[in-house]
Amino acid sequence: MALLTVIVPLYNEQDCAQACYERLTQVLSDMSVSAPDNKDNKNKENKTEIETKTKIEFEIIFVNDGSRDNTLSIIQSIAQNDNRLKIISLSRNFGQQAAFSAGLEYAKGDAVIFIDADLQDPPEVIPELVKKWLEGYQIIYGKRIRRKGESVFKLLSAKIYYKLLHSLADVKIPHDTGDFRLIDRCVADTVLKMPEHNRFLRGMTCWTGFKQTSVEYHRDKRVAGQTKYGFFKMIRLATDGIFAFSAKPLKLVSLLGSTALIASLLLLIYVFVSIFAGNTAAGWASIICVIMFFGGIQLLALGIIGEYIARIFDEVKGRPNYIVDFTVNISDDYE
């Protein structure tokens, strides 16, 4: 028997909360997964795979991330009739990554699954994630092969972002993967030891190493309501992913500075040659272009450096990533 913890952050998800609970419990209830049993034979030669059935027990942790609608009252009424549903209510909105981290702190499962409440990531994929886990993989991430109901701009920007992240990040983060994933207990314990404030969990779990694989699936439309991840929140998450796992933007600043210096030296040589050749001519346009060029490089460099300094500022303050207001169906032995 294995215990599975499913963590679901909710921020103003009154239209999705009930449906999310029902879909999750329907999939998880009495779930038995077949997987080859090689644990007792891993040091033997000529292993024979034996299909075994593993009974899966589960708990669901709903993390109320400072919702201002009826989300909290809805999940509280559900939790009254089902003690498998745990609730962590945060004191305010701390963001999706902090909410996942709060759930991870209280998770007791042998494996932990991250999933959003909007059901774009279908709970029906969970048995496939669990099967891969029972085969010995410690990180199994959902890989989107099709996205329903998303605009051309969203699809194009996501494709560009993942290519950029893949090329810049020191840790190779798979394309077209979000937070929907299963991680083993050892991975969860490792992530809990990471105290950083600007959290990017999909990168943090990949950074741990361990044995990783993917499960492909079709991403659905939201079951109800509107997305809470607007354009600026997406930009913030994207920059967190890049700046938290790469120093290449700082190297880019040095490259731009070197390029600008070489360009200015070449321009200076051109000016002197023009003076001696007697071909000087007044031209404000060329001067303005040069000023804008160097000014733009300087501002870009300051902006990139500022992003890193802002993150250093967040870290040195040492504030907690979240504050728990109260919990429901969580006993003292979680502490």
Protein backbone atom coordinates (compact mmCIF):
# COMPACT_ATOMS: atom_id res chain seq x y z
CA MET A 1 0.00 0.00 0.00
CA ALA A 2 1.21 3.52 -0.78
CA LEU A 3 -0.02 6.93 0.35
CA LEU A 4 -0.44 9.59 -2.31
CA THR A 5 -0.77 13.30 -1.51
CA VAL A 6 -2.38 15.59 -4.08
CA ILE A 7 -1.76 19.33 -3.57
CA VAL A 8 -4.18 21.81 -5.15
CA PRO A 9 -3.75 25.60 -4.75
CA LEU A 10 -6.97 27.64 -4.98
CA TYR A 11 -7.27 31.37 -5.51
CA ASN A 12 -10.82 32.59 -6.19
CA GLU A 13 -11.82 29.19 -7.62
CA GLN A 14 -15.39 28.95 -6.32
CA ASP A 15 -16.55 27.76 -9.75
CA CYS A 16 -13.99 24.95 -9.89
CA ALA A 17 -13.53 23.77 -6.30
CA GLN A 18 -16.42 21.27 -6.14
CA ALA A 19 -15.75 19.84 -9.59
CA CYS A 20 -12.05 19.51 -8.80
CA TYR A 21 -12.77 17.58 -5.60
CA GLU A 22 -15.24 15.27 -7.33
CA ARG A 23 -12.93 14.50 -10.26
CA LEU A 24 -9.95 13.87 -8.01
CA THR A 25 -11.79 11.58 -5.59
CA GLN A 26 -13.37 9.67 -8.47
CA VAL A 27 -9.95 8.97 -9.98
CA LEU A 28 -8.16 8.30 -6.71
CA SER A 29 -10.76 6.18 -4.92
CA ASP A 30 -9.89 2.47 -4.99
CA MET A 31 -7.11 3.14 -7.49
CA SER A 32 -4.87 0.11 -7.95
CA VAL A 33 -1.99 0.39 -10.36
CA SER A 34 -0.06 -2.46 -11.95
CA ALA A 35 3.70 -2.10 -12.27
CA PRO A 36 6.63 -4.48 -12.66
CA ASP A 37 7.98 -5.46 -9.24
CA ASN A 38 11.76 -5.32 -9.47
CA LYS A 39 12.51 -4.03 -5.98
CA ASP A 40 13.45 -7.41 -4.56
CA ASN A 41 15.45 -8.37 -7.64
CA LYS A 42 17.35 -5.18 -8.39
CA ASN A 43 20.71 -6.73 -7.49
CA LYS A 44 20.07 -10.01 -9.29
CA GLU A 45 20.88 -10.87 -12.87
CA ASN A 46 18.29 -12.09 -15.35
CA LYS A 47 15.47 -10.27 -13.56
CA THR A 48 11.94 -11.39 -14.25
CA GLU A 49 9.29 -8.67 -14.21
CA ILE A 50 6.30 -9.58 -12.07
CA GLU A 51 3.17 -7.49 -12.42
CA THR A 52 1.86 -6.55 -8.98
CA LYS A 53 -1.15 -4.55 -7.86
CA THR A 54 -0.46 -1.72 -5.44
CA LYS A 55 -3.31 -0.31 -3.39
CA ILE A 56 -3.21 3.48 -3.33
CA GLU A 57 -4.46 5.43 -0.34
CA PHE A 58 -4.68 9.18 -0.77
CA GLU A 59 -5.10 12.55 0.84
CA ILE A 60 -5.97 15.80 -0.93
CA ILE A 61 -4.60 19.09 0.35
CA PHE A 62 -6.48 22.18 -0.80
CA VAL A 63 -4.42 25.31 -0.19
CA ASN A 64 -6.61 28.39 0.00
CA ASP A 65 -4.30 31.13 -1.27
CA GLY A 66 -6.13 34.15 0.13
CA SER A 67 -9.32 33.71 -1.90
CA ARG A 68 -11.79 36.61 -1.70
CA ASP A 69 -14.82 34.74 -3.05
CA ASN A 70 -16.66 31.70 -1.62
CA THR A 71 -13.85 29.23 -2.31
CA LEU A 72 -12.97 28.73 1.35
CA SER A 73 -16.54 28.13 2.53
CA ILE A 74 -17.10 25.61 -0.29
CA ILE A 75 -14.05 23.51 0.52
CA GLN A 76 -14.73 23.74 4.27
CA SER A 77 -18.20 22.27 3.77
CA ILE A 78 -16.68 19.43 1.71
CA ALA A 79 -14.01 18.76 4.35
CA GLN A 80 -16.67 18.32 7.04
CA ASN A 81 -17.81 15.12 5.32
CA ASP A 82 -14.45 13.80 4.10
CA ASN A 83 -11.40 13.78 6.36
CA ARG A 84 -9.23 12.78 3.40
CA LEU A 85 -9.55 16.40 2.32
CA LYS A 86 -7.13 18.64 4.21
CA ILE A 87 -7.28 22.43 4.06
CA ILE A 88 -4.47 24.92 4.54
CA SER A 89 -5.72 28.50 4.52
CA LEU A 90 -3.06 31.16 4.02
CA SER A 91 -3.35 34.60 5.60
CA ARG A 92 -3.32 36.32 2.20
CA ASN A 93 -2.52 35.65 -1.43
CA PHE A 94 1.14 34.57 -1.62
CA GLY A 95 1.07 33.14 -5.15
CA GLN A 96 0.75 29.70 -6.70
CA GLN A 97 4.34 28.61 -6.05
CA ALA A 98 4.12 29.53 -2.36
CA ALA A 99 0.79 27.69 -2.10
CA PHE A 100 2.31 24.54 -3.57
CA SER A 101 5.19 24.89 -1.10
CA ALA A 102 2.75 25.21 1.82
CA GLY A 103 1.00 22.02 0.75
CA LEU A 104 4.34 20.26 0.40
CA GLU A 105 5.23 21.20 3.97
CA TYR A 106 2.16 19.33 5.26
CA ALA A 107 2.17 16.43 2.77
CA LYS A 108 2.63 12.98 4.31
CA GLY A 109 2.46 10.90 1.14
CA ASP A 110 5.07 8.51 -0.20
CA ALA A 111 4.59 10.48 -3.41
CA VAL A 112 3.23 13.99 -4.01
CA ILE A 113 1.31 15.34 -7.00
CA PHE A 114 0.98 19.02 -7.93
CA ILE A 115 -2.14 19.93 -9.91
CA ASP A 116 -4.20 23.08 -10.50
CA ALA A 117 -7.86 23.41 -9.55
CA ASP A 118 -9.04 24.48 -13.02
CA LEU A 119 -8.80 20.85 -14.30
CA GLN A 120 -6.90 21.84 -17.41
CA ASP A 121 -4.51 19.11 -16.34
CA PRO A 122 -6.86 16.08 -16.26
CA PRO A 123 -6.84 14.06 -13.01
CA GLU A 124 -7.39 10.99 -15.20
CA VAL A 125 -3.66 11.17 -16.05
CA ILE A 126 -2.73 10.54 -12.39
CA PRO A 127 -2.79 6.69 -12.66
CA GLU A 128 -0.20 6.92 -15.44
CA LEU A 129 2.00 9.13 -13.24
CA VAL A 130 1.65 6.66 -10.36
CA LYS A 131 2.46 3.72 -12.62
CA LYS A 132 5.71 5.36 -13.69
CA TRP A 133 6.51 6.04 -10.04
CA LEU A 134 5.98 2.39 -9.14
CA GLU A 135 8.34 1.49 -11.98
CA GLY A 136 11.07 3.36 -10.13
CA TYR A 137 10.97 6.91 -11.49
CA GLN A 138 11.17 9.65 -8.86
CA ILE A 139 10.05 12.67 -10.89
CA ILE A 140 7.28 12.23 -13.47
CA TYR A 141 6.11 15.42 -15.16
CA GLY A 142 3.12 15.85 -17.41
CA LYS A 143 4.14 16.82 -20.94
CA ARG A 144 1.52 18.72 -22.93
CA ILE A 145 1.22 17.58 -26.52
CA ARG A 146 -1.90 19.63 -27.21
CA ARG A 147 -3.49 22.66 -25.52
CA LYS A 148 -7.21 23.24 -25.91
CA GLY A 149 -8.85 26.63 -25.64
CA GLU A 150 -5.68 28.72 -25.64
CA SER A 151 -5.03 31.66 -27.93
CA VAL A 152 -2.43 31.73 -30.69
CA PHE A 153 -0.52 34.37 -28.70
CA LYS A 154 -0.45 32.14 -25.60
CA LEU A 155 0.72 29.12 -27.57
CA LEU A 156 3.39 31.10 -29.43
CA SER A 157 4.67 32.89 -26.33
CA ALA A 158 4.82 29.60 -24.39
CA LYS A 159 6.81 27.97 -27.19
CA ILE A 160 9.28 30.87 -27.32
CA TYR A 161 9.61 30.95 -23.54
CA TYR A 162 10.36 27.24 -23.17
CA LYS A 163 12.99 27.43 -25.91
CA LEU A 164 14.55 30.46 -24.23
CA LEU A 165 14.48 28.81 -20.80
CA HIS A 166 15.94 25.60 -22.21
CA SER A 167 18.83 27.49 -23.82
CA LEU A 168 19.58 29.77 -20.85
CA ALA A 169 18.97 27.62 -17.77
CA ASP A 170 21.86 25.66 -16.30
CA VAL A 171 19.35 22.92 -15.44
CA LYS A 172 17.57 21.39 -18.40
CA ILE A 173 13.86 21.95 -17.84
CA PRO A 174 11.72 19.92 -20.28
CA HIS A 175 9.67 21.69 -22.96
CA ASP A 176 5.89 22.05 -22.56
CA THR A 177 5.79 21.04 -18.92
CA GLY A 178 4.10 22.92 -16.10
CA ASP A 179 3.72 22.23 -12.40
CA PHE A 180 1.56 19.14 -13.02
CA ARG A 181 3.86 16.36 -11.87
CA LEU A 182 4.48 13.58 -9.37
CA ILE A 183 7.53 13.63 -7.12
CA ASP A 184 8.79 10.91 -4.82
CA ARG A 185 9.12 11.48 -1.07
CA CYS A 186 12.90 11.86 -1.34
CA VAL A 187 12.45 14.63 -3.93
CA ALA A 188 9.84 16.36 -1.76
CA ASP A 189 12.17 16.29 1.25
CA THR A 190 14.98 17.74 -0.86
CA VAL A 191 12.81 20.57 -2.18
CA LEU A 192 11.68 21.38 1.38
CA LYS A 193 15.33 22.01 2.27
CA MET A 194 15.55 24.77 -0.35
CA PRO A 195 14.79 28.06 1.44
CA GLU A 196 14.71 30.39 -1.58
CA HIS A 197 11.96 32.99 -1.71
CA ASN A 198 11.41 33.31 -5.48
CA ARG A 199 10.36 29.73 -6.03
CA PHE A 200 10.09 28.02 -9.41
CA LEU A 201 9.09 24.50 -8.47
CA ARG A 202 9.25 22.93 -11.90
CA GLY A 203 12.89 23.99 -12.07
CA MET A 204 13.66 23.12 -8.44
CA THR A 205 12.41 19.56 -8.83
CA CYS A 206 14.42 19.06 -12.03
CA TRP A 207 17.51 20.52 -10.32
CA THR A 208 17.44 17.75 -7.69
CA GLY A 209 18.36 15.19 -10.33
CA PHE A 210 17.00 11.74 -9.50
CA LYS A 211 15.35 9.52 -12.09
CA GLN A 212 12.97 11.47 -14.32
CA THR A 213 10.50 10.74 -17.10
CA SER A 214 7.35 12.20 -18.64
CA VAL A 215 3.76 11.25 -19.38
CA GLU A 216 2.18 12.88 -22.42
CA TYR A 217 -1.38 14.20 -22.29
CA HIS A 218 -3.82 16.62 -23.90
CA ARG A 219 -4.43 19.75 -21.86
CA ASP A 220 -8.12 20.67 -21.57
CA LYS A 221 -9.96 23.97 -21.29
CA ARG A 222 -10.72 25.37 -17.87
CA VAL A 223 -13.74 23.61 -16.40
CA ALA A 224 -15.16 26.98 -15.24
CA GLY A 225 -14.18 30.50 -14.26
CA GLN A 226 -11.36 32.68 -15.53
CA THR A 227 -7.61 32.20 -15.34
CA LYS A 228 -5.95 33.89 -12.38
CA TYR A 229 -2.60 33.97 -14.16
CA GLY A 230 -2.68 37.20 -16.10
CA PHE A 231 -0.01 38.51 -18.46
CA PHE A 232 2.12 40.16 -15.78
CA LYS A 233 1.97 37.12 -13.46
CA MET A 234 3.11 34.95 -16.35
CA ILE A 235 5.98 37.35 -17.04
CA ARG A 236 6.94 37.24 -13.36
CA LEU A 237 6.94 33.44 -13.31
CA ALA A 238 8.94 33.35 -16.54
CA THR A 239 11.61 35.72 -15.21
CA ASP A 240 11.79 33.74 -11.95
CA GLY A 241 12.53 30.64 -13.98
CA ILE A 242 15.28 32.31 -15.99
CA PHE A 243 16.99 34.34 -13.26
CA ALA A 244 16.77 31.58 -10.64
CA PHE A 245 18.48 28.99 -12.81
CA SER A 246 20.88 30.92 -14.99
CA ALA A 247 23.67 33.50 -14.74
CA LYS A 248 23.79 33.83 -18.52
CA PRO A 249 21.87 37.14 -18.58
CA LEU A 250 24.71 38.66 -16.54
CA LYS A 251 27.19 37.29 -19.06
CA LEU A 252 25.03 38.85 -21.76
CA VAL A 253 25.52 42.22 -20.06
CA SER A 254 29.30 41.78 -20.34
CA LEU A 255 28.94 40.78 -23.99
CA LEU A 256 26.79 43.81 -24.75
CA GLY A 257 29.26 46.08 -22.97
CA SER A 258 32.16 44.64 -24.95
CA THR A 259 30.23 45.00 -28.21
CA ALA A 260 29.35 48.61 -27.41
CA LEU A 261 33.00 49.39 -26.59
CA ILE A 262 34.21 47.92 -29.88
CA ALA A 263 31.51 49.79 -31.80
CA SER A 264 32.46 53.09 -30.11
CA LEU A 265 36.15 52.56 -30.92
CA LEU A 266 35.33 51.88 -34.57
CA LEU A 267 33.13 55.00 -34.64
CA LEU A 268 35.95 57.03 -33.09
CA ILE A 269 38.37 55.83 -35.79
CA TYR A 270 35.81 56.75 -38.45
CA VAL A 271 35.47 60.24 -36.96
CA PHE A 272 39.22 60.84 -36.99
CA VAL A 273 39.55 59.55 -40.56
CA SER A 274 36.70 61.84 -41.64
CA ILE A 275 38.34 64.85 -39.95
CA PHE A 276 41.69 64.29 -41.68
CA ALA A 277 39.95 63.65 -45.00
CA GLY A 278 38.01 66.89 -44.68
CA ASN A 279 34.64 65.13 -45.05
CA THR A 280 33.09 66.19 -41.77
CA ALA A 281 29.47 67.17 -41.92
CA ALA A 282 27.05 68.17 -39.20
CA GLY A 283 24.36 65.57 -38.59
CA TRP A 284 22.19 65.44 -35.54
CA ALA A 285 20.46 62.19 -36.64
CA SER A 286 23.63 60.11 -36.42
CA ILE A 287 24.46 61.59 -33.02
CA ILE A 288 20.99 60.83 -31.68
CA CYS A 289 21.17 57.25 -32.96
CA VAL A 290 24.51 56.69 -31.27
CA ILE A 291 23.26 58.16 -27.99
CA MET A 292 20.11 56.03 -28.09
CA PHE A 293 22.13 52.93 -28.92
CA PHE A 294 24.50 53.25 -25.99
CA GLY A 295 21.76 54.52 -23.68
CA GLY A 296 19.62 51.50 -24.51
CA ILE A 297 22.46 49.09 -23.80
CA GLN A 298 23.14 50.78 -20.46
CA LEU A 299 19.49 50.64 -19.42
CA LEU A 300 19.21 47.00 -20.48
CA ALA A 301 22.32 46.15 -18.49
CA LEU A 302 21.01 47.98 -15.42
CA GLY A 303 17.66 46.23 -15.75
CA ILE A 304 19.21 42.75 -15.87
CA ILE A 305 21.49 43.51 -12.93
CA GLY A 306 18.51 44.98 -11.09
CA GLU A 307 16.56 41.72 -11.48
CA TYR A 308 19.31 39.82 -9.73
CA ILE A 309 19.70 42.48 -7.02
CA ALA A 310 15.93 42.44 -6.36
CA ARG A 311 16.07 38.69 -5.81
CA ILE A 312 19.06 39.04 -3.50
CA PHE A 313 17.06 41.68 -1.59
CA ASP A 314 14.13 39.26 -1.22
CA GLU A 315 16.39 36.48 0.02
CA VAL A 316 18.34 38.48 2.62
CA LYS A 317 15.13 39.71 4.27
CA GLY A 318 14.51 36.13 5.31
CA ARG A 319 10.72 36.44 5.41
CA PRO A 320 8.65 33.24 5.19
CA ASN A 321 7.30 32.23 1.80
CA TYR A 322 3.78 32.04 3.25
CA ILE A 323 1.84 32.39 6.51
CA VAL A 324 -0.73 29.76 7.50
CA ASP A 325 -3.90 31.23 9.01
CA PHE A 326 -5.53 27.91 9.97
CA THR A 327 -5.85 24.31 8.88
CA VAL A 328 -8.71 21.81 8.64
CA ASN A 329 -8.45 18.01 9.11
CA ILE A 330 -4.72 18.31 9.79
CA SER A 331 -3.57 16.82 13.09
CA ASP A 332 -0.72 18.07 15.26
CA ASP A 333 1.64 15.37 14.05
CA TYR A 334 1.99 17.29 10.76
CA GLU A 335 3.92 20.01 12.60
